[in-house]
Amino acid sequence: MSEVGRLVLLGAPLGNPADASARFREVLAAADVVAAEDTRRLTRLARDLDVVVPGRIVSYFEGNEERRTPELVEVLRDGYVVALVTDGGMPSVSDPGYRLVRAALDAGVPVTAAPGPSAVTTALALSGLPSDRFCFEGFLPRTPGARRSRLRALAAEERTLVLFEAPHRITGALADLAAVFGADRPAALCRELTKTYEEVVRRPLGELATWAADSGPRGEITLVVAGAAPAAAERPDDATLRAAVAEREAAGLSRRDAISEVATGYGLRRRDVYAVVHA
């Protein structure tokens, strides 16, 4: 036992045990305490990985994290290593963990991670949608009114959106997405990632909503939705365009280059700016 404990966040396999890293196994086999979202699932995973867990296993889930967090912080203060593992993916990403991370940091306890699979980035990569910029919104509100309100606030978001949704709410969520974002917005429904019945359905939101209503998809679902098209810039009046070209000419650009630069800056066709300047 060291003088200062350490909290280790374990990135657990989404479904396929073979995705567990060597470090995941090492930490699991060495931690003094393992806080698991589902202790039975952890025990089964350890058995599949042929890992013996010598440390004490305790449950840590949404229903008891408020009560259990202070207990685990005391264990950390006493110098022990605590490993935190959820049912799949990284702790604290729409899973239990943030509360314990924050409490450990506030107590001056080091926090590190053994990175692993993430449903967010896995679904994003498989979706076929732009992945250079994206935002993660977690679970949408459960009630239809609150859900539609959240979606209206996101409707103009230009980055690709990644969402989690429960199977019994997916049909309603997709119907609201199609209504608020538009039925033609591209999307992908990723179900049971890395598991035996993995499925990725790539369709516009309207078609995806119909498919979900007919098929009733089950399992863990991650939705990826294309961002909104960039809003068209308001076209400046002719006088502004002529002044912009004249300003660049005065700075030393040729008229041709000045027109090209102004056209690019305002998102206009070069010939349209040329026509205004030479009118």
Protein backbone atom coordinates (compact mmCIF):
# COMPACT_ATOMS: atom_id res chain seq x y z
CA MET A 1 0.00 0.00 0.00
CA SER A 2 1.32 3.45 -0.94
CA GLU A 3 0.92 6.68 1.03
CA VAL A 4 -1.40 8.12 -1.63
CA GLY A 5 -4.01 6.06 -3.39
CA ARG A 6 -4.91 6.19 -7.04
CA LEU A 7 -8.15 6.01 -9.02
CA VAL A 8 -7.89 4.18 -12.35
CA LEU A 9 -10.68 4.45 -14.93
CA LEU A 10 -10.90 1.26 -16.98
CA GLY A 11 -12.18 1.37 -20.56
CA ALA A 12 -14.21 -1.84 -20.75
CA PRO A 13 -15.05 -3.77 -23.93
CA LEU A 14 -18.36 -2.78 -25.50
CA GLY A 15 -19.26 -6.42 -25.99
CA ASN A 16 -16.36 -8.45 -27.32
CA PRO A 17 -14.03 -9.44 -24.44
CA ALA A 18 -11.12 -9.67 -26.90
CA ASP A 19 -11.14 -5.86 -27.10
CA ALA A 20 -9.88 -5.60 -23.51
CA SER A 21 -6.34 -4.19 -23.43
CA ALA A 22 -3.39 -5.80 -21.69
CA ARG A 23 -3.38 -2.88 -19.26
CA PHE A 24 -7.07 -3.43 -18.50
CA ARG A 25 -6.17 -6.96 -17.43
CA GLU A 26 -3.18 -5.79 -15.40
CA VAL A 27 -5.11 -3.18 -13.45
CA LEU A 28 -8.01 -5.54 -12.83
CA ALA A 29 -5.62 -8.12 -11.42
CA ALA A 30 -3.79 -5.64 -9.19
CA ALA A 31 -6.38 -3.16 -7.87
CA ASP A 32 -7.19 -3.22 -4.16
CA VAL A 33 -10.83 -2.36 -4.86
CA VAL A 34 -12.82 -2.69 -8.10
CA ALA A 35 -15.94 -0.52 -8.29
CA ALA A 36 -18.18 -2.00 -10.98
CA GLU A 37 -21.44 -0.78 -12.48
CA ASP A 38 -22.62 -4.41 -12.55
CA THR A 39 -20.63 -6.79 -10.36
CA ARG A 40 -22.04 -9.89 -12.06
CA ARG A 41 -21.08 -8.57 -15.49
CA LEU A 42 -17.59 -7.76 -14.24
CA THR A 43 -17.20 -11.25 -12.79
CA ARG A 44 -18.25 -12.76 -16.10
CA LEU A 45 -15.83 -10.52 -18.03
CA ALA A 46 -12.94 -11.42 -15.71
CA ARG A 47 -13.72 -15.09 -16.25
CA ASP A 48 -13.76 -14.62 -20.04
CA LEU A 49 -10.38 -12.86 -19.80
CA ASP A 50 -8.99 -15.52 -17.49
CA VAL A 51 -8.16 -12.83 -14.93
CA VAL A 52 -8.33 -13.43 -11.19
CA VAL A 53 -9.55 -10.33 -9.32
CA PRO A 54 -7.99 -10.45 -5.85
CA GLY A 55 -9.31 -7.05 -4.78
CA ARG A 56 -12.64 -6.35 -3.15
CA ILE A 57 -15.43 -5.90 -5.71
CA VAL A 58 -18.14 -3.36 -4.87
CA SER A 59 -21.07 -2.08 -6.88
CA TYR A 60 -21.04 1.50 -8.17
CA PHE A 61 -24.02 2.49 -10.27
CA GLU A 62 -26.47 5.34 -10.71
CA GLY A 63 -28.58 4.25 -7.74
CA ASN A 64 -25.80 4.17 -5.16
CA GLU A 65 -22.97 6.39 -6.45
CA GLU A 66 -23.96 9.33 -4.25
CA ARG A 67 -23.70 7.17 -1.13
CA ARG A 68 -20.71 5.10 -2.24
CA THR A 69 -18.51 7.94 -3.50
CA PRO A 70 -17.43 9.16 -0.02
CA GLU A 71 -16.64 5.56 0.97
CA LEU A 72 -14.38 5.09 -2.06
CA VAL A 73 -12.69 8.44 -1.49
CA GLU A 74 -11.78 7.31 2.04
CA VAL A 75 -10.30 4.12 0.57
CA LEU A 76 -8.25 6.25 -1.83
CA ARG A 77 -7.10 8.54 0.96
CA ASP A 78 -5.90 5.48 2.86
CA GLY A 79 -3.52 4.76 0.01
CA TYR A 80 -5.31 2.02 -1.91
CA VAL A 81 -5.77 1.65 -5.66
CA VAL A 82 -9.38 1.74 -6.82
CA ALA A 83 -10.32 0.65 -10.34
CA LEU A 84 -13.61 1.92 -11.75
CA VAL A 85 -15.28 -0.05 -14.54
CA THR A 86 -18.69 0.30 -16.17
CA ASP A 87 -20.63 -2.13 -18.35
CA GLY A 88 -18.84 -0.92 -21.49
CA GLY A 89 -16.72 1.99 -22.66
CA MET A 90 -15.14 4.69 -20.51
CA PRO A 91 -16.52 5.50 -17.06
CA SER A 92 -18.14 8.94 -16.68
CA VAL A 93 -19.13 9.16 -20.39
CA SER A 94 -22.90 8.85 -19.89
CA ASP A 95 -22.00 6.21 -17.28
CA PRO A 96 -21.24 6.37 -13.55
CA GLY A 97 -17.86 7.87 -12.77
CA TYR A 98 -17.89 11.66 -13.01
CA ARG A 99 -18.94 12.06 -9.38
CA LEU A 100 -16.08 9.85 -8.15
CA VAL A 101 -13.51 11.48 -10.44
CA ARG A 102 -14.48 14.92 -9.19
CA ALA A 103 -14.44 13.84 -5.55
CA ALA A 104 -11.06 12.14 -5.92
CA LEU A 105 -9.52 15.21 -7.54
CA ASP A 106 -10.96 17.44 -4.84
CA ALA A 107 -9.37 15.15 -2.26
CA GLY A 108 -5.98 15.44 -3.95
CA VAL A 109 -5.99 11.85 -5.17
CA PRO A 110 -4.32 11.10 -8.55
CA VAL A 111 -6.71 9.93 -11.28
CA THR A 112 -5.53 8.07 -14.36
CA ALA A 113 -7.04 5.79 -17.00
CA ALA A 114 -6.44 2.59 -18.90
CA PRO A 115 -8.11 3.78 -22.13
CA GLY A 116 -10.31 1.41 -24.02
CA PRO A 117 -13.25 1.12 -26.41
CA SER A 118 -15.77 3.93 -26.77
CA ALA A 119 -19.21 3.57 -28.30
CA VAL A 120 -19.06 7.25 -29.26
CA THR A 121 -16.00 7.12 -31.49
CA THR A 122 -16.71 3.58 -32.71
CA ALA A 123 -20.17 4.55 -33.98
CA LEU A 124 -18.83 7.79 -35.43
CA ALA A 125 -16.18 5.93 -37.41
CA LEU A 126 -18.67 3.34 -38.70
CA SER A 127 -21.39 5.85 -39.60
CA GLY A 128 -19.82 7.09 -42.81
CA LEU A 129 -20.64 10.65 -41.74
CA PRO A 130 -18.11 13.50 -41.34
CA SER A 131 -15.93 12.84 -38.30
CA ASP A 132 -13.49 15.75 -38.38
CA ARG A 133 -15.78 17.75 -36.06
CA PHE A 134 -18.48 16.24 -33.87
CA CYS A 135 -20.29 16.74 -30.58
CA PHE A 136 -21.58 14.16 -28.13
CA GLU A 137 -25.00 14.82 -26.59
CA GLY A 138 -25.41 11.65 -24.53
CA PHE A 139 -29.01 10.61 -23.87
CA LEU A 140 -31.84 12.86 -25.04
CA PRO A 141 -34.48 13.85 -22.44
CA ARG A 142 -36.96 11.09 -21.75
CA THR A 143 -40.21 13.01 -22.19
CA PRO A 144 -41.34 13.94 -25.72
CA GLY A 145 -41.76 17.65 -24.95
CA ALA A 146 -38.33 18.05 -23.39
CA ARG A 147 -36.78 15.94 -26.14
CA ARG A 148 -38.22 18.10 -28.92
CA SER A 149 -37.10 21.23 -27.10
CA ARG A 150 -33.52 19.90 -26.91
CA LEU A 151 -33.60 18.93 -30.58
CA ARG A 152 -34.78 22.39 -31.62
CA ALA A 153 -31.78 23.83 -29.81
CA LEU A 154 -29.52 21.44 -31.75
CA ALA A 155 -31.16 21.79 -35.16
CA ALA A 156 -28.64 24.34 -36.46
CA GLU A 157 -25.57 22.53 -35.07
CA GLU A 158 -23.18 22.02 -37.99
CA ARG A 159 -21.06 19.33 -36.34
CA THR A 160 -21.96 15.65 -36.59
CA LEU A 161 -24.05 14.64 -33.56
CA VAL A 162 -23.58 11.44 -31.56
CA LEU A 163 -26.42 10.37 -29.26
CA PHE A 164 -27.27 7.43 -27.02
CA GLU A 165 -30.84 6.16 -26.86
CA ALA A 166 -32.73 3.37 -25.13
CA PRO A 167 -34.49 0.76 -27.31
CA HIS A 168 -37.95 1.56 -25.95
CA ARG A 169 -37.53 5.26 -26.82
CA ILE A 170 -35.72 4.97 -30.15
CA THR A 171 -38.85 5.06 -32.36
CA GLY A 172 -40.14 8.26 -30.75
CA ALA A 173 -36.68 9.83 -30.76
CA LEU A 174 -36.18 9.16 -34.47
CA ALA A 175 -39.64 10.49 -35.31
CA ASP A 176 -38.83 13.71 -33.44
CA LEU A 177 -35.41 13.95 -35.07
CA ALA A 178 -36.96 13.64 -38.52
CA ALA A 179 -39.60 16.24 -37.69
CA VAL A 180 -37.18 18.79 -36.22
CA PHE A 181 -34.04 18.19 -38.33
CA GLY A 182 -35.80 17.22 -41.55
CA ALA A 183 -36.53 13.77 -42.95
CA ASP A 184 -33.65 13.99 -45.43
CA ARG A 185 -30.87 14.55 -42.85
CA PRO A 186 -28.38 11.64 -43.15
CA ALA A 187 -27.98 9.44 -40.08
CA ALA A 188 -26.79 6.05 -38.88
CA LEU A 189 -28.20 3.81 -36.18
CA CYS A 190 -25.48 1.65 -34.62
CA ARG A 191 -26.73 -1.26 -32.55
CA GLU A 192 -24.92 -3.82 -30.39
CA LEU A 193 -21.46 -2.62 -31.44
CA THR A 194 -18.75 -5.35 -31.40
CA LYS A 195 -21.32 -7.95 -30.35
CA THR A 196 -22.65 -10.96 -32.23
CA TYR A 197 -25.63 -9.10 -33.68
CA GLU A 198 -23.89 -5.83 -34.50
CA GLU A 199 -25.88 -3.77 -36.99
CA VAL A 200 -25.32 -0.37 -38.58
CA VAL A 201 -28.26 1.08 -40.53
CA ARG A 202 -27.39 4.16 -42.60
CA ARG A 203 -30.42 6.04 -43.91
CA PRO A 204 -31.98 9.52 -43.90
CA LEU A 205 -33.80 10.26 -40.64
CA GLY A 206 -37.27 9.84 -42.16
CA GLU A 207 -36.46 6.38 -43.53
CA LEU A 208 -34.65 5.44 -40.35
CA ALA A 209 -37.70 6.38 -38.27
CA THR A 210 -39.92 4.17 -40.44
CA TRP A 211 -37.42 1.31 -40.25
CA ALA A 212 -37.25 1.53 -36.45
CA ALA A 213 -41.03 1.61 -36.11
CA ASP A 214 -41.29 -1.54 -38.24
CA SER A 215 -38.37 -3.51 -36.81
CA GLY A 216 -38.21 -2.41 -33.16
CA PRO A 217 -34.41 -2.52 -32.75
CA ARG A 218 -33.12 -3.88 -29.46
CA GLY A 219 -29.87 -3.69 -27.54
CA GLU A 220 -27.54 -0.77 -26.91
CA ILE A 221 -28.05 1.94 -29.51
CA THR A 222 -25.83 4.82 -30.61
CA LEU A 223 -27.19 7.33 -33.12
CA VAL A 224 -24.99 9.40 -35.40
CA VAL A 225 -26.67 12.31 -37.20
CA ALA A 226 -25.14 14.57 -39.82
CA GLY A 227 -24.78 18.22 -38.86
CA ALA A 228 -26.87 20.98 -40.37
CA ALA A 229 -25.74 22.51 -43.62
CA PRO A 230 -23.90 25.82 -43.02
CA ALA A 231 -26.19 28.80 -43.20
CA ALA A 232 -25.78 30.74 -46.41
CA ALA A 233 -24.04 34.04 -45.86
CA GLU A 234 -26.15 37.10 -46.57
CA ARG A 235 -25.13 38.65 -49.87
CA PRO A 236 -23.75 42.15 -49.41
CA ASP A 237 -25.09 44.94 -51.60
CA ASP A 238 -23.29 45.99 -54.78
CA ALA A 239 -21.71 49.07 -53.21
CA THR A 240 -20.13 46.94 -50.48
CA LEU A 241 -18.72 44.50 -53.03
CA ARG A 242 -17.25 47.30 -55.15
CA ALA A 243 -15.72 48.92 -52.07
CA ALA A 244 -14.20 45.61 -50.96
CA VAL A 245 -12.60 45.08 -54.37
CA ALA A 246 -11.33 48.66 -54.50
CA GLU A 247 -9.80 48.30 -51.02
CA ARG A 248 -7.84 45.22 -52.09
CA GLU A 249 -6.72 46.90 -55.31
CA ALA A 250 -5.45 49.84 -53.28
CA ALA A 251 -3.48 47.38 -51.16
CA GLY A 252 -1.68 46.14 -54.25
CA LEU A 253 -3.75 43.25 -55.59
CA SER A 254 -4.63 43.04 -59.25
CA ARG A 255 -8.30 43.50 -60.02
CA ARG A 256 -8.56 39.83 -60.95
CA ASP A 257 -7.08 38.71 -57.62
CA ALA A 258 -9.11 41.27 -55.68
CA ILE A 259 -12.33 39.99 -57.23
CA SER A 260 -11.37 36.38 -56.52
CA GLU A 261 -10.59 37.16 -52.88
CA VAL A 262 -13.84 39.04 -52.31
CA ALA A 263 -15.86 36.30 -54.01
CA THR A 264 -14.25 33.65 -51.79
CA GLY A 265 -14.73 35.73 -48.66
CA TYR A 266 -18.46 36.18 -49.25
CA GLY A 267 -19.10 32.73 -50.69
CA LEU A 268 -20.07 34.14 -54.09
CA ARG A 269 -19.22 33.15 -57.63
CA ARG A 270 -16.32 35.11 -59.11
CA ARG A 271 -18.25 36.04 -62.22
CA ASP A 272 -21.04 37.58 -60.11
CA VAL A 273 -18.58 39.86 -58.31
CA TYR A 274 -16.91 40.67 -61.65
CA ALA A 275 -20.28 41.68 -63.10
CA VAL A 276 -20.95 44.03 -60.16
CA VAL A 277 -17.52 45.67 -60.38
CA HIS A 278 -17.80 46.22 -64.13
CA ALA A 279 -21.46 47.22 -64.22
